[in-house]
Amino acid sequence: MGTTSFILIIILEALALCLFLFVIASLKNRKLRLTNTELQTQLQGLRTQHMKNSHALATAPAWQTESYNDKLVAQIELTRDYHDSLGEHQNIALDLDPDTPLSRRTAAIRHAFLVAEKEATLTDLINWDLLEGRYHQILSFHKDYQNEENRTWD
């Protein structure tokens, strides 16, 4: 009988250990399920936020989708409007004259450079020869103007 009770005690202890391990595993499982539910909720929120952000990116503002040429046209118009606001409503191309007031001449020079840039970038590639020629005309205008004045004084 001593051996049977000893075996029975060992079996009961093994069952108690299994029951204890089952309770611990059940508690861990419950905690993991709660964590999983919280993570699923956060994931759904992130998906919703991502969809909103991707929709906002898909409808980008016009300034982000404008081409370089469109931006040049806008800048040319702004420069013309500024030149017109200075008064005297003279052709902007004629205000490159050194005798013109500095504010109008500045607008005229900016306009000339922007137009040269626009003409050189009508295609996807920059026409460097055209750009160089136009810059040379703009930058040598003052020297040519002085040469004309010297000839008229002689």
Protein backbone atom coordinates (compact mmCIF):
# COMPACT_ATOMS: atom_id res chain seq x y z
CA MET A 1 0.00 0.00 0.00
CA GLY A 2 2.93 2.30 0.57
CA THR A 3 3.92 2.15 -3.03
CA THR A 4 0.39 2.72 -4.27
CA SER A 5 -0.10 5.82 -2.14
CA PHE A 6 3.29 7.06 -3.24
CA ILE A 7 2.30 6.64 -6.92
CA LEU A 8 -1.07 8.25 -6.24
CA ILE A 9 0.62 11.27 -4.61
CA ILE A 10 2.98 11.64 -7.60
CA ILE A 11 0.01 11.47 -10.02
CA LEU A 12 -1.92 14.08 -7.99
CA GLU A 13 1.12 16.36 -7.88
CA ALA A 14 1.54 16.00 -11.67
CA LEU A 15 -2.16 16.84 -12.16
CA ALA A 16 -1.86 19.86 -9.85
CA LEU A 17 1.22 21.02 -11.79
CA CYS A 18 -0.66 20.58 -15.09
CA LEU A 19 -3.64 22.51 -13.71
CA PHE A 20 -1.31 25.31 -12.50
CA LEU A 21 0.39 25.48 -15.92
CA PHE A 22 -3.03 25.51 -17.65
CA VAL A 23 -4.17 28.49 -15.53
CA ILE A 24 -0.96 30.40 -16.29
CA ALA A 25 -1.26 29.63 -20.02
CA SER A 26 -4.92 30.74 -19.99
CA LEU A 27 -4.03 34.05 -18.33
CA LYS A 28 -1.21 34.66 -20.84
CA ASN A 29 -3.57 33.80 -23.70
CA ARG A 30 -6.16 36.29 -22.40
CA LYS A 31 -3.52 39.03 -22.08
CA LEU A 32 -2.24 38.33 -25.62
CA ARG A 33 -5.80 38.50 -27.02
CA LEU A 34 -6.34 41.91 -25.40
CA THR A 35 -3.02 43.15 -26.81
CA ASN A 36 -3.96 41.79 -30.23
CA THR A 37 -7.31 43.63 -30.12
CA GLU A 38 -5.56 46.91 -29.19
CA LEU A 39 -3.04 46.47 -32.02
CA GLN A 40 -5.81 45.71 -34.52
CA THR A 41 -7.57 48.93 -33.48
CA GLN A 42 -4.35 50.95 -33.88
CA LEU A 43 -3.70 49.32 -37.27
CA GLN A 44 -7.18 50.26 -38.47
CA GLY A 45 -6.58 53.85 -37.35
CA LEU A 46 -3.25 53.95 -39.19
CA ARG A 47 -4.87 52.55 -42.33
CA THR A 48 -7.53 55.25 -42.20
CA GLN A 49 -4.89 57.94 -41.67
CA HIS A 50 -2.80 56.53 -44.54
CA MET A 51 -5.81 56.60 -46.85
CA LYS A 52 -6.47 60.25 -45.95
CA ASN A 53 -2.81 61.16 -46.49
CA SER A 54 -2.57 59.33 -49.81
CA HIS A 55 -5.78 61.03 -50.97
CA ALA A 56 -4.30 64.41 -49.99
CA LEU A 57 -1.13 63.61 -51.93
CA ALA A 58 -3.10 62.46 -54.95
CA THR A 59 -4.80 65.84 -55.12
CA ALA A 60 -1.59 67.87 -55.06
CA PRO A 61 -1.89 71.65 -55.35
CA ALA A 62 -1.45 73.21 -58.78
CA TRP A 63 1.89 74.78 -57.84
CA GLN A 64 3.36 71.32 -57.37
CA THR A 65 2.20 70.10 -60.77
CA GLU A 66 3.21 73.18 -62.74
CA SER A 67 5.99 72.79 -65.24
CA TYR A 68 9.06 74.99 -65.24
CA ASN A 69 7.74 76.80 -68.30
CA ASP A 70 4.43 77.52 -66.51
CA LYS A 71 6.34 79.01 -63.60
CA LEU A 72 8.36 81.18 -65.98
CA VAL A 73 5.16 82.46 -67.62
CA ALA A 74 3.74 83.32 -64.19
CA GLN A 75 6.94 85.15 -63.22
CA ILE A 76 6.94 87.07 -66.51
CA GLU A 77 3.37 88.19 -65.83
CA LEU A 78 4.25 89.25 -62.28
CA THR A 79 7.19 91.24 -63.59
CA ARG A 80 5.03 92.96 -66.23
CA ASP A 81 2.41 93.79 -63.61
CA TYR A 82 5.08 95.26 -61.35
CA HIS A 83 6.50 97.29 -64.25
CA ASP A 84 3.03 98.58 -65.10
CA SER A 85 2.48 99.60 -61.47
CA LEU A 86 5.54 101.87 -61.68
CA GLY A 87 3.73 104.18 -64.07
CA GLU A 88 4.50 105.74 -67.45
CA HIS A 89 3.16 102.57 -69.15
CA GLN A 90 6.10 102.33 -71.51
CA ASN A 91 7.01 99.09 -73.26
CA ILE A 92 9.03 97.01 -70.81
CA ALA A 93 11.60 96.13 -73.46
CA LEU A 94 12.41 99.84 -73.94
CA ASP A 95 13.23 100.35 -70.27
CA LEU A 96 16.64 98.69 -70.59
CA ASP A 97 17.94 102.18 -71.38
CA PRO A 98 20.48 103.35 -68.72
CA ASP A 99 18.63 106.67 -68.44
CA THR A 100 15.50 104.86 -67.19
CA PRO A 101 14.85 104.96 -63.41
CA LEU A 102 16.42 102.02 -61.61
CA SER A 103 13.17 100.36 -60.50
CA ARG A 104 11.79 100.22 -64.05
CA ARG A 105 15.15 99.15 -65.48
CA THR A 106 15.38 96.36 -62.88
CA ALA A 107 11.96 95.07 -63.90
CA ALA A 108 12.95 95.31 -67.58
CA ILE A 109 16.19 93.36 -67.03
CA ARG A 110 14.38 90.67 -65.03
CA HIS A 111 11.76 90.45 -67.76
CA ALA A 112 14.44 90.09 -70.43
CA PHE A 113 16.18 87.28 -68.53
CA LEU A 114 12.90 85.44 -67.88
CA VAL A 115 11.88 85.68 -71.54
CA ALA A 116 15.32 84.42 -72.59
CA GLU A 117 14.99 81.50 -70.19
CA LYS A 118 11.49 80.72 -71.48
CA GLU A 119 12.63 80.75 -75.11
CA ALA A 120 15.58 78.48 -74.32
CA THR A 121 13.42 75.92 -72.48
CA LEU A 122 10.52 75.47 -74.88
CA THR A 123 11.44 71.78 -75.17
CA ASP A 124 12.56 69.38 -72.47
CA LEU A 125 16.19 70.15 -73.29
CA ILE A 126 17.77 73.54 -72.69
CA ASN A 127 18.97 75.28 -75.83
CA TRP A 128 22.22 76.61 -74.42
CA ASP A 129 23.26 78.34 -77.64
CA LEU A 130 20.05 80.34 -77.76
CA LEU A 131 20.33 81.16 -74.07
CA GLU A 132 23.93 82.28 -74.47
CA GLY A 133 23.00 84.50 -77.43
CA ARG A 134 20.09 86.10 -75.59
CA TYR A 135 22.20 86.73 -72.46
CA HIS A 136 24.91 88.23 -74.63
CA GLN A 137 22.35 90.62 -76.18
CA ILE A 138 21.03 91.62 -72.76
CA LEU A 139 24.41 92.05 -71.13
CA SER A 140 26.01 93.89 -74.03
CA PHE A 141 23.09 96.33 -74.43
CA HIS A 142 24.66 98.87 -72.06
CA LYS A 143 27.98 98.77 -73.89
CA ASP A 144 26.25 99.10 -77.27
CA TYR A 145 24.20 102.01 -75.92
CA GLN A 146 27.36 103.83 -74.78
CA ASN A 147 28.99 103.28 -78.18
CA GLU A 148 25.94 104.86 -79.88
CA GLU A 149 26.08 107.87 -77.54
CA ASN A 150 29.80 108.37 -78.28
CA ARG A 151 29.08 108.32 -82.01
CA THR A 152 26.34 110.94 -81.71
CA TRP A 153 28.61 113.26 -79.69
CA ASP A 154 31.45 113.04 -82.21
